[in-house]
């Protein structure tokens, strides 16, 4: 396995563990914010935004992060996987093809 793949998998694992074990004890906005916007979703979003358009690691990160969140979730299994895959799809195929984001660095 490549080092970048192992790093992404470990980072997502740690973020989901922190999310599921530590951050769920804090009540922020009635605890709804922690169910929708979480650390794994932010990581997958940022990684998909900055990855090359033909890169495939964001798809792996979406499946792995979604699977880990589904294990700790009380919703149906696969909801997080499908939502992360839809997020990566929107970023890869819609945003990067049709929206020109200026890069100053």
PDB file of N, CA and C in Angstrom:
ATOM      1  N   UNK A   1       0.833  -1.181   0.000  1.00  0.00           N
ATOM      2  CA  UNK A   1       0.000   0.000   0.000  1.00  0.00           C
ATOM      3  C   UNK A   1       0.877   1.243   0.000  1.00  0.00           C
ATOM      4  N   UNK A   2       0.346   2.277  -0.541  1.00  0.00           N
ATOM      5  CA  UNK A   2       1.074   3.536  -0.559  1.00  0.00           C
ATOM      6  C   UNK A   2       0.981   4.225   0.792  1.00  0.00           C
ATOM      7  N   UNK A   3       1.978   5.046   1.064  1.00  0.00           N
ATOM      8  CA  UNK A   3       1.991   5.774   2.329  1.00  0.00           C
ATOM      9  C   UNK A   3       0.828   6.753   2.428  1.00  0.00           C
ATOM     10  N   UNK A   4       0.465   7.370   1.308  1.00  0.00           N
ATOM     11  CA  UNK A   4      -0.628   8.346   1.359  1.00  0.00           C
ATOM     12  C   UNK A   4      -1.962   7.673   1.669  1.00  0.00           C
ATOM     13  N   UNK A   5      -2.177   6.487   1.143  1.00  0.00           N
ATOM     14  CA  UNK A   5      -3.412   5.763   1.428  1.00  0.00           C
ATOM     15  C   UNK A   5      -3.482   5.362   2.887  1.00  0.00           C
ATOM     16  N   UNK A   6      -2.398   4.851   3.425  1.00  0.00           N
ATOM     17  CA  UNK A   6      -2.364   4.460   4.832  1.00  0.00           C
ATOM     18  C   UNK A   6      -2.554   5.682   5.721  1.00  0.00           C
ATOM     19  N   UNK A   7      -1.947   6.800   5.364  1.00  0.00           N
ATOM     20  CA  UNK A   7      -2.089   8.024   6.143  1.00  0.00           C
ATOM     21  C   UNK A   7      -3.530   8.505   6.152  1.00  0.00           C
ATOM     22  N   UNK A   8      -4.180   8.484   5.000  1.00  0.00           N
ATOM     23  CA  UNK A   8      -5.576   8.924   4.914  1.00  0.00           C
ATOM     24  C   UNK A   8      -6.473   8.026   5.743  1.00  0.00           C
ATOM     25  N   UNK A   9      -6.263   6.718   5.667  1.00  0.00           N
ATOM     26  CA  UNK A   9      -7.082   5.787   6.430  1.00  0.00           C
ATOM     27  C   UNK A   9      -6.893   5.971   7.934  1.00  0.00           C
ATOM     28  N   UNK A  10      -5.667   6.177   8.364  1.00  0.00           N
ATOM     29  CA  UNK A  10      -5.414   6.384   9.793  1.00  0.00           C
ATOM     30  C   UNK A  10      -5.962   7.713  10.291  1.00  0.00           C
ATOM     31  N   UNK A  11      -5.810   8.766   9.491  1.00  0.00           N
ATOM     32  CA  UNK A  11      -6.342  10.071   9.889  1.00  0.00           C
ATOM     33  C   UNK A  11      -7.860  10.012  10.006  1.00  0.00           C
ATOM     34  N   UNK A  12      -8.524   9.392   9.050  1.00  0.00           N
ATOM     35  CA  UNK A  12      -9.977   9.260   9.134  1.00  0.00           C
ATOM     36  C   UNK A  12     -10.394   8.412  10.331  1.00  0.00           C
ATOM     37  N   UNK A  13      -9.658   7.363  10.616  1.00  0.00           N
ATOM     38  CA  UNK A  13      -9.963   6.522  11.765  1.00  0.00           C
ATOM     39  C   UNK A  13      -9.871   7.317  13.061  1.00  0.00           C
ATOM     40  N   UNK A  14      -8.819   8.104  13.212  1.00  0.00           N
ATOM     41  CA  UNK A  14      -8.648   8.916  14.415  1.00  0.00           C
ATOM     42  C   UNK A  14      -9.739   9.984  14.505  1.00  0.00           C
ATOM     43  N   UNK A  15     -10.059  10.635  13.388  1.00  0.00           N
ATOM     44  CA  UNK A  15     -11.093  11.665  13.403  1.00  0.00           C
ATOM     45  C   UNK A  15     -12.455  11.099  13.778  1.00  0.00           C
ATOM     46  N   UNK A  16     -12.788   9.927  13.274  1.00  0.00           N
ATOM     47  CA  UNK A  16     -14.073   9.310  13.618  1.00  0.00           C
ATOM     48  C   UNK A  16     -14.078   8.876  15.069  1.00  0.00           C
ATOM     49  N   UNK A  17     -12.970   8.368  15.568  1.00  0.00           N
ATOM     50  CA  UNK A  17     -12.913   8.001  16.980  1.00  0.00           C
ATOM     51  C   UNK A  17     -13.070   9.213  17.884  1.00  0.00           C
ATOM     52  N   UNK A  18     -12.423  10.306  17.540  1.00  0.00           N
ATOM     53  CA  UNK A  18     -12.575  11.538  18.320  1.00  0.00           C
ATOM     54  C   UNK A  18     -14.015  12.027  18.245  1.00  0.00           C
ATOM     55  N   UNK A  19     -14.596  11.960  17.065  1.00  0.00           N
ATOM     56  CA  UNK A  19     -15.983  12.388  16.879  1.00  0.00           C
ATOM     57  C   UNK A  19     -16.951  11.531  17.689  1.00  0.00           C
ATOM     58  N   UNK A  20     -16.774  10.235  17.649  1.00  0.00           N
ATOM     59  CA  UNK A  20     -17.727   9.329  18.295  1.00  0.00           C
ATOM     60  C   UNK A  20     -17.520   9.214  19.803  1.00  0.00           C
ATOM     61  N   UNK A  21     -16.299   9.385  20.270  1.00  0.00           N
ATOM     62  CA  UNK A  21     -16.059   9.153  21.688  1.00  0.00           C
ATOM     63  C   UNK A  21     -15.928  10.429  22.512  1.00  0.00           C
ATOM     64  N   UNK A  22     -15.475  11.501  21.907  1.00  0.00           N
ATOM     65  CA  UNK A  22     -15.194  12.711  22.681  1.00  0.00           C
ATOM     66  C   UNK A  22     -16.170  13.844  22.383  1.00  0.00           C
ATOM     67  N   UNK A  23     -16.378  14.146  21.117  1.00  0.00           N
ATOM     68  CA  UNK A  23     -17.173  15.318  20.764  1.00  0.00           C
ATOM     69  C   UNK A  23     -18.673  15.132  20.931  1.00  0.00           C
ATOM     70  N   UNK A  24     -19.151  13.912  21.047  1.00  0.00           N
ATOM     71  CA  UNK A  24     -20.586  13.739  21.220  1.00  0.00           C
ATOM     72  C   UNK A  24     -21.049  14.071  22.631  1.00  0.00           C
ATOM     73  N   UNK A  25     -20.137  14.321  23.557  1.00  0.00           N
ATOM     74  CA  UNK A  25     -20.500  14.706  24.912  1.00  0.00           C
ATOM     75  C   UNK A  25     -20.738  16.209  25.048  1.00  0.00           C
ATOM     76  N   UNK A  26     -20.389  16.978  24.018  1.00  0.00           N
ATOM     77  CA  UNK A  26     -20.599  18.415  24.051  1.00  0.00           C
ATOM     78  C   UNK A  26     -21.888  18.763  23.317  1.00  0.00           C
ATOM     79  N   UNK A  27     -22.703  19.586  23.924  1.00  0.00           N
ATOM     80  CA  UNK A  27     -23.952  19.997  23.301  1.00  0.00           C
ATOM     81  C   UNK A  27     -23.722  21.351  22.631  1.00  0.00           C
ATOM     82  N   UNK A  28     -23.659  21.326  21.314  1.00  0.00           N
ATOM     83  CA  UNK A  28     -23.482  22.538  20.524  1.00  0.00           C
ATOM     84  C   UNK A  28     -24.652  22.604  19.559  1.00  0.00           C
ATOM     85  N   UNK A  29     -25.434  23.654  19.630  1.00  0.00           N
ATOM     86  CA  UNK A  29     -26.615  23.839  18.784  1.00  0.00           C
ATOM     87  C   UNK A  29     -27.577  22.670  18.923  1.00  0.00           C
ATOM     88  N   UNK A  30     -27.779  22.198  20.117  1.00  0.00           N
ATOM     89  CA  UNK A  30     -28.710  21.096  20.344  1.00  0.00           C
ATOM     90  C   UNK A  30     -28.199  19.765  19.824  1.00  0.00           C
ATOM     91  N   UNK A  31     -26.903  19.615  19.671  1.00  0.00           N
ATOM     92  CA  UNK A  31     -26.236  18.398  19.219  1.00  0.00           C
ATOM     93  C   UNK A  31     -26.586  18.004  17.783  1.00  0.00           C
ATOM     94  N   UNK A  32     -27.301  18.841  17.059  1.00  0.00           N
ATOM     95  CA  UNK A  32     -27.606  18.558  15.654  1.00  0.00           C
ATOM     96  C   UNK A  32     -26.386  18.829  14.793  1.00  0.00           C
ATOM     97  N   UNK A  33     -25.615  19.834  15.143  1.00  0.00           N
ATOM     98  CA  UNK A  33     -24.446  20.187  14.353  1.00  0.00           C
ATOM     99  C   UNK A  33     -23.426  19.053  14.327  1.00  0.00           C
ATOM    100  N   UNK A  34     -23.280  18.355  15.444  1.00  0.00           N
ATOM    101  CA  UNK A  34     -22.295  17.285  15.500  1.00  0.00           C
ATOM    102  C   UNK A  34     -22.737  16.044  14.742  1.00  0.00           C
ATOM    103  N   UNK A  35     -24.022  15.920  14.440  1.00  0.00           N
ATOM    104  CA  UNK A  35     -24.477  14.777  13.663  1.00  0.00           C
ATOM    105  C   UNK A  35     -24.336  15.031  12.172  1.00  0.00           C
ATOM    106  N   UNK A  36     -24.466  16.269  11.732  1.00  0.00           N
ATOM    107  CA  UNK A  36     -24.416  16.566  10.299  1.00  0.00           C
ATOM    108  C   UNK A  36     -23.016  16.994   9.885  1.00  0.00           C
ATOM    109  N   UNK A  37     -22.495  18.013  10.500  1.00  0.00           N
ATOM    110  CA  UNK A  37     -21.152  18.479  10.173  1.00  0.00           C
ATOM    111  C   UNK A  37     -20.156  17.898  11.138  1.00  0.00           C
ATOM    112  N   UNK A  38     -19.367  16.970  10.706  1.00  0.00           N
ATOM    113  CA  UNK A  38     -18.424  16.336  11.611  1.00  0.00           C
ATOM    114  C   UNK A  38     -17.027  16.375  11.025  1.00  0.00           C
ATOM    115  N   UNK A  39     -16.078  15.882  11.782  1.00  0.00           N
ATOM    116  CA  UNK A  39     -14.678  15.972  11.383  1.00  0.00           C
ATOM    117  C   UNK A  39     -14.376  15.142  10.136  1.00  0.00           C
ATOM    118  N   UNK A  40     -14.973  13.981  10.025  1.00  0.00           N
ATOM    119  CA  UNK A  40     -14.730  13.133   8.859  1.00  0.00           C
ATOM    120  C   UNK A  40     -15.290  13.774   7.596  1.00  0.00           C
ATOM    121  N   UNK A  41     -16.452  14.406   7.700  1.00  0.00           N
ATOM    122  CA  UNK A  41     -17.046  15.073   6.537  1.00  0.00           C
ATOM    123  C   UNK A  41     -16.183  16.249   6.086  1.00  0.00           C
ATOM    124  N   UNK A  42     -15.661  16.991   7.033  1.00  0.00           N
ATOM    125  CA  UNK A  42     -14.789  18.116   6.692  1.00  0.00           C
ATOM    126  C   UNK A  42     -13.508  17.608   6.041  1.00  0.00           C
ATOM    127  N   UNK A  43     -12.953  16.521   6.570  1.00  0.00           N
ATOM    128  CA  UNK A  43     -11.732  15.974   5.994  1.00  0.00           C
ATOM    129  C   UNK A  43     -11.957  15.484   4.565  1.00  0.00           C
ATOM    130  N   UNK A  44     -13.049  14.756   4.334  1.00  0.00           N
ATOM    131  CA  UNK A  44     -13.343  14.260   2.987  1.00  0.00           C
ATOM    132  C   UNK A  44     -13.588  15.418   2.040  1.00  0.00           C
ATOM    133  N   UNK A  45     -14.291  16.443   2.491  1.00  0.00           N
ATOM    134  CA  UNK A  45     -14.554  17.619   1.666  1.00  0.00           C
ATOM    135  C   UNK A  45     -13.265  18.328   1.269  1.00  0.00           C
ATOM    136  N   UNK A  46     -12.421  18.587   2.238  1.00  0.00           N
ATOM    137  CA  UNK A  46     -11.162  19.301   1.962  1.00  0.00           C
ATOM    138  C   UNK A  46     -10.236  18.456   1.097  1.00  0.00           C
ATOM    139  N   UNK A  47     -10.171  17.167   1.368  1.00  0.00           N
ATOM    140  CA  UNK A  47      -9.289  16.311   0.577  1.00  0.00           C
ATOM    141  C   UNK A  47      -9.766  16.214  -0.875  1.00  0.00           C
ATOM    142  N   UNK A  48     -11.061  16.122  -1.070  1.00  0.00           N
ATOM    143  CA  UNK A  48     -11.591  16.055  -2.440  1.00  0.00           C
ATOM    144  C   UNK A  48     -11.402  17.375  -3.174  1.00  0.00           C
ATOM    145  N   UNK A  49     -11.464  18.478  -2.457  1.00  0.00           N
ATOM    146  CA  UNK A  49     -11.273  19.790  -3.098  1.00  0.00           C
ATOM    147  C   UNK A  49      -9.837  19.968  -3.591  1.00  0.00           C
ATOM    148  N   UNK A  50      -8.872  19.501  -2.821  1.00  0.00           N
ATOM    149  CA  UNK A  50      -7.476  19.750  -3.153  1.00  0.00           C
ATOM    150  C   UNK A  50      -6.801  18.605  -3.892  1.00  0.00           C
ATOM    151  N   UNK A  51      -7.497  17.509  -4.086  1.00  0.00           N
ATOM    152  CA  UNK A  51      -6.919  16.405  -4.843  1.00  0.00           C
ATOM    153  C   UNK A  51      -7.027  16.686  -6.334  1.00  0.00           C
ATOM    154  N   UNK A  52      -6.125  16.106  -7.088  1.00  0.00           N
ATOM    155  CA  UNK A  52      -6.162  16.238  -8.542  1.00  0.00           C
ATOM    156  C   UNK A  52      -7.476  15.673  -9.073  1.00  0.00           C
ATOM    157  N   UNK A  53      -7.953  16.202 -10.173  1.00  0.00           N
ATOM    158  CA  UNK A  53      -9.262  15.800 -10.707  1.00  0.00           C
ATOM    159  C   UNK A  53      -9.316  14.322 -11.069  1.00  0.00           C
ATOM    160  N   UNK A  54      -8.196  13.735 -11.432  1.00  0.00           N
ATOM    161  CA  UNK A  54      -8.183  12.319 -11.805  1.00  0.00           C
ATOM    162  C   UNK A  54      -7.744  11.419 -10.649  1.00  0.00           C
ATOM    163  N   UNK A  55      -7.543  11.986  -9.475  1.00  0.00           N
ATOM    164  CA  UNK A  55      -7.133  11.194  -8.321  1.00  0.00           C
ATOM    165  C   UNK A  55      -8.270  10.326  -7.808  1.00  0.00           C
ATOM    166  N   UNK A  56      -7.914   9.209  -7.203  1.00  0.00           N
ATOM    167  CA  UNK A  56      -8.913   8.261  -6.745  1.00  0.00           C
ATOM    168  C   UNK A  56      -8.942   8.096  -5.221  1.00  0.00           C
ATOM    169  N   UNK A  57      -8.032   8.722  -4.524  1.00  0.00           N
ATOM    170  CA  UNK A  57      -7.973   8.512  -3.083  1.00  0.00           C
ATOM    171  C   UNK A  57      -9.144   9.165  -2.347  1.00  0.00           C
ATOM    172  N   UNK A  58      -9.751  10.179  -2.922  1.00  0.00           N
ATOM    173  CA  UNK A  58     -10.899  10.791  -2.255  1.00  0.00           C
ATOM    174  C   UNK A  58     -12.100   9.845  -2.254  1.00  0.00           C
ATOM    175  N   UNK A  59     -12.210   8.989  -3.277  1.00  0.00           N
ATOM    176  CA  UNK A  59     -13.277   7.978  -3.291  1.00  0.00           C
ATOM    177  C   UNK A  59     -13.051   6.963  -2.183  1.00  0.00           C
ATOM    178  N   UNK A  60     -11.813   6.554  -1.989  1.00  0.00           N
ATOM    179  CA  UNK A  60     -11.486   5.612  -0.913  1.00  0.00           C
ATOM    180  C   UNK A  60     -11.738   6.258   0.441  1.00  0.00           C
ATOM    181  N   UNK A  61     -11.365   7.532   0.571  1.00  0.00           N
ATOM    182  CA  UNK A  61     -11.607   8.244   1.827  1.00  0.00           C
ATOM    183  C   UNK A  61     -13.102   8.377   2.105  1.00  0.00           C
ATOM    184  N   UNK A  62     -13.902   8.589   1.072  1.00  0.00           N
ATOM    185  CA  UNK A  62     -15.350   8.702   1.251  1.00  0.00           C
ATOM    186  C   UNK A  62     -15.948   7.384   1.727  1.00  0.00           C
ATOM    187  N   UNK A  63     -15.530   6.281   1.137  1.00  0.00           N
ATOM    188  CA  UNK A  63     -16.072   4.976   1.535  1.00  0.00           C
ATOM    189  C   UNK A  63     -15.603   4.608   2.935  1.00  0.00           C
ATOM    190  N   UNK A  64     -14.332   4.807   3.219  1.00  0.00           N
ATOM    191  CA  UNK A  64     -13.786   4.439   4.527  1.00  0.00           C
ATOM    192  C   UNK A  64     -14.380   5.314   5.633  1.00  0.00           C
ATOM    193  N   UNK A  65     -14.413   6.616   5.428  1.00  0.00           N
ATOM    194  CA  UNK A  65     -14.991   7.510   6.431  1.00  0.00           C
ATOM    195  C   UNK A  65     -16.477   7.265   6.623  1.00  0.00           C
ATOM    196  N   UNK A  66     -17.195   7.029   5.538  1.00  0.00           N
ATOM    197  CA  UNK A  66     -18.618   6.732   5.646  1.00  0.00           C
ATOM    198  C   UNK A  66     -18.876   5.424   6.370  1.00  0.00           C
ATOM    199  N   UNK A  67     -18.045   4.426   6.106  1.00  0.00           N
ATOM    200  CA  UNK A  67     -18.216   3.136   6.777  1.00  0.00           C
ATOM    201  C   UNK A  67     -17.948   3.271   8.278  1.00  0.00           C
ATOM    202  N   UNK A  68     -16.916   3.997   8.634  1.00  0.00           N
ATOM    203  CA  UNK A  68     -16.622   4.183  10.054  1.00  0.00           C
ATOM    204  C   UNK A  68     -17.731   4.962  10.754  1.00  0.00           C
ATOM    205  N   UNK A  69     -18.253   6.005  10.099  1.00  0.00           N
ATOM    206  CA  UNK A  69     -19.349   6.752  10.710  1.00  0.00           C
ATOM    207  C   UNK A  69     -20.623   5.921  10.781  1.00  0.00           C
ATOM    208  N   UNK A  70     -20.854   5.062   9.801  1.00  0.00           N
ATOM    209  CA  UNK A  70     -22.025   4.196   9.841  1.00  0.00           C
ATOM    210  C   UNK A  70     -21.950   3.195  10.989  1.00  0.00           C
ATOM    211  N   UNK A  71     -20.763   2.761  11.338  1.00  0.00           N
ATOM    212  CA  UNK A  71     -20.616   1.832  12.456  1.00  0.00           C
ATOM    213  C   UNK A  71     -21.013   2.479  13.780  1.00  0.00           C
ATOM    214  N   UNK A  72     -20.762   3.784  13.936  1.00  0.00           N
ATOM    215  CA  UNK A  72     -21.081   4.483  15.174  1.00  0.00           C
ATOM    216  C   UNK A  72     -22.424   5.206  15.112  1.00  0.00           C
ATOM    217  N   UNK A  73     -23.092   5.155  13.991  1.00  0.00           N
ATOM    218  CA  UNK A  73     -24.331   5.897  13.798  1.00  0.00           C
ATOM    219  C   UNK A  73     -25.543   5.065  14.184  1.00  0.00           C
ATOM    220  N   UNK A  74     -26.640   5.746  14.484  1.00  0.00           N
ATOM    221  CA  UNK A  74     -27.875   5.040  14.767  1.00  0.00           C
ATOM    222  C   UNK A  74     -28.824   5.086  13.565  1.00  0.00           C
ATOM    223  N   UNK A  75     -28.338   5.548  12.427  1.00  0.00           N
ATOM    224  CA  UNK A  75     -29.127   5.567  11.201  1.00  0.00           C
ATOM    225  C   UNK A  75     -28.911   4.257  10.443  1.00  0.00           C
ATOM    226  N   UNK A  76     -29.555   4.136   9.300  1.00  0.00           N
ATOM    227  CA  UNK A  76     -29.378   2.948   8.471  1.00  0.00           C
ATOM    228  C   UNK A  76     -27.936   2.864   7.978  1.00  0.00           C
ATOM    229  N   UNK A  77     -27.451   1.642   7.842  1.00  0.00           N
ATOM    230  CA  UNK A  77     -26.079   1.464   7.376  1.00  0.00           C
ATOM    231  C   UNK A  77     -25.999   1.827   5.901  1.00  0.00           C
ATOM    232  N   UNK A  78     -25.081   2.674   5.564  1.00  0.00           N
ATOM    233  CA  UNK A  78     -24.877   3.094   4.194  1.00  0.00           C
ATOM    234  C   UNK A  78     -25.250   4.543   3.938  1.00  0.00           C
ATOM    235  N   UNK A  79     -25.897   5.176   4.892  1.00  0.00           N
ATOM    236  CA  UNK A  79     -26.302   6.574   4.705  1.00  0.00           C
ATOM    237  C   UNK A  79     -25.079   7.477   4.593  1.00  0.00           C
ATOM    238  N   UNK A  80     -24.115   7.296   5.478  1.00  0.00           N
ATOM    239  CA  UNK A  80     -22.915   8.125   5.442  1.00  0.00           C
ATOM    240  C   UNK A  80     -22.051   7.800   4.226  1.00  0.00           C
ATOM    241  N   UNK A  81     -21.990   6.547   3.858  1.00  0.00           N
ATOM    242  CA  UNK A  81     -21.204   6.168   2.674  1.00  0.00           C
ATOM    243  C   UNK A  81     -21.783   6.833   1.431  1.00  0.00           C
ATOM    244  N   UNK A  82     -23.086   6.742   1.272  1.00  0.00           N
ATOM    245  CA  UNK A  82     -23.720   7.353   0.101  1.00  0.00           C
ATOM    246  C   UNK A  82     -23.610   8.872   0.116  1.00  0.00           C
ATOM    247  N   UNK A  83     -23.721   9.481   1.291  1.00  0.00           N
ATOM    248  CA  UNK A  83     -23.613  10.935   1.347  1.00  0.00           C
ATOM    249  C   UNK A  83     -22.192  11.402   1.045  1.00  0.00           C
ATOM    250  N   UNK A  84     -21.190  10.681   1.537  1.00  0.00           N
ATOM    251  CA  UNK A  84     -19.805  11.052   1.227  1.00  0.00           C
ATOM    252  C   UNK A  84     -19.480  10.813  -0.245  1.00  0.00           C
ATOM    253  N   UNK A  85     -19.991   9.727  -0.806  1.00  0.00           N
ATOM    254  CA  UNK A  85     -19.778   9.489  -2.237  1.00  0.00           C
ATOM    255  C   UNK A  85     -20.457  10.552  -3.082  1.00  0.00           C
ATOM    256  N   UNK A  86     -21.645  10.987  -2.675  1.00  0.00           N
ATOM    257  CA  UNK A  86     -22.327  12.071  -3.393  1.00  0.00           C
ATOM    258  C   UNK A  86     -21.547  13.380  -3.270  1.00  0.00           C
ATOM    259  N   UNK A  87     -20.971  13.631  -2.101  1.00  0.00           N
ATOM    260  CA  UNK A  87     -20.153  14.827  -1.906  1.00  0.00           C
ATOM    261  C   UNK A  87     -18.927  14.813  -2.806  1.00  0.00           C
ATOM    262  N   UNK A  88     -18.232  13.695  -2.856  1.00  0.00           N
ATOM    263  CA  UNK A  88     -17.047  13.587  -3.709  1.00  0.00           C
ATOM    264  C   UNK A  88     -17.444  13.687  -5.181  1.00  0.00           C
ATOM    265  N   UNK A  89     -18.566  13.085  -5.548  1.00  0.00           N
ATOM    266  CA  UNK A  89     -19.042  13.179  -6.935  1.00  0.00           C
ATOM    267  C   UNK A  89     -19.328  14.627  -7.317  1.00  0.00           C
ATOM    268  N   UNK A  90     -19.992  15.355  -6.430  1.00  0.00           N
ATOM    269  CA  UNK A  90     -20.297  16.755  -6.732  1.00  0.00           C
ATOM    270  C   UNK A  90     -19.028  17.572  -6.879  1.00  0.00           C
ATOM    271  N   UNK A  91     -18.057  17.312  -6.045  1.00  0.00           N
ATOM    272  CA  UNK A  91     -16.812  18.074  -6.127  1.00  0.00           C
ATOM    273  C   UNK A  91     -16.023  17.691  -7.368  1.00  0.00           C
ATOM    274  N   UNK A  92     -15.872  16.399  -7.617  1.00  0.00           N
ATOM    275  CA  UNK A  92     -15.029  15.941  -8.725  1.00  0.00           C
ATOM    276  C   UNK A  92     -15.633  16.258 -10.090  1.00  0.00           C
ATOM    277  N   UNK A  93     -16.905  15.956 -10.278  1.00  0.00           N
ATOM    278  CA  UNK A  93     -17.471  16.030 -11.614  1.00  0.00           C
ATOM    279  C   UNK A  93     -18.226  17.323 -11.897  1.00  0.00           C
ATOM    280  N   UNK A  94     -18.745  17.957 -10.901  1.00  0.00           N
ATOM    281  CA  UNK A  94     -19.519  19.163 -11.153  1.00  0.00           C
ATOM    282  C   UNK A  94     -18.693  20.402 -10.850  1.00  0.00           C
ATOM    283  N   UNK A  95     -18.169  20.488  -9.646  1.00  0.00           N
ATOM    284  CA  UNK A  95     -17.467  21.699  -9.244  1.00  0.00           C
ATOM    285  C   UNK A  95     -16.179  21.904 -10.025  1.00  0.00           C
ATOM    286  N   UNK A  96     -15.391  20.862 -10.167  1.00  0.00           N
ATOM    287  CA  UNK A  96     -14.100  21.029 -10.833  1.00  0.00           C
ATOM    288  C   UNK A  96     -14.223  21.149 -12.344  1.00  0.00           C
ATOM    289  N   UNK A  97     -15.314  20.691 -12.940  1.00  0.00           N
ATOM    290  CA  UNK A  97     -15.475  20.820 -14.387  1.00  0.00           C
ATOM    291  C   UNK A  97     -16.106  22.136 -14.798  1.00  0.00           C
ATOM    292  N   UNK A  98     -17.077  22.605 -14.030  1.00  0.00           N
ATOM    293  CA  UNK A  98     -17.872  23.734 -14.476  1.00  0.00           C
ATOM    294  C   UNK A  98     -17.635  25.020 -13.699  1.00  0.00           C
ATOM    295  N   UNK A  99     -16.908  24.962 -12.610  1.00  0.00           N
ATOM    296  CA  UNK A  99     -16.636  26.153 -11.810  1.00  0.00           C
ATOM    297  C   UNK A  99     -15.150  26.408 -11.818  1.00  0.00           C
ATOM    298  N   UNK A 100     -14.782  27.612 -12.155  1.00  0.00           N
ATOM    299  CA  UNK A 100     -13.372  27.988 -12.154  1.00  0.00           C
ATOM    300  C   UNK A 100     -13.045  28.679 -10.848  1.00  0.00           C
ATOM    301  N   UNK A 101     -12.308  27.983 -10.003  1.00  0.00           N
ATOM    302  CA  UNK A 101     -11.918  28.541  -8.717  1.00  0.00           C
ATOM    303  C   UNK A 101     -10.541  29.167  -8.888  1.00  0.00           C
ATOM    304  N   UNK A 102     -10.415  30.481  -8.616  1.00  0.00           N
ATOM    305  CA  UNK A 102      -9.106  31.117  -8.787  1.00  0.00           C
ATOM    306  C   UNK A 102      -8.118  30.622  -7.732  1.00  0.00           C
ATOM    307  N   UNK A 103      -6.931  30.364  -8.153  1.00  0.00           N
ATOM    308  CA  UNK A 103      -5.892  29.910  -7.251  1.00  0.00           C
ATOM    309  C   UNK A 103      -4.801  30.964  -7.195  1.00  0.00           C
ATOM    310  N   UNK A 104      -4.536  31.450  -6.010  1.00  0.00           N
ATOM    311  CA  UNK A 104      -3.541  32.504  -5.838  1.00  0.00           C
ATOM    312  C   UNK A 104      -2.238  31.971  -5.274  1.00  0.00           C
ATOM    313  N   UNK A 105      -2.101  30.654  -5.160  1.00  0.00           N
ATOM    314  CA  UNK A 105      -0.865  30.089  -4.637  1.00  0.00           C
ATOM    315  C   UNK A 105      -0.429  28.950  -5.402  1.00  0.00           C
TER     316      UNK A 105
END
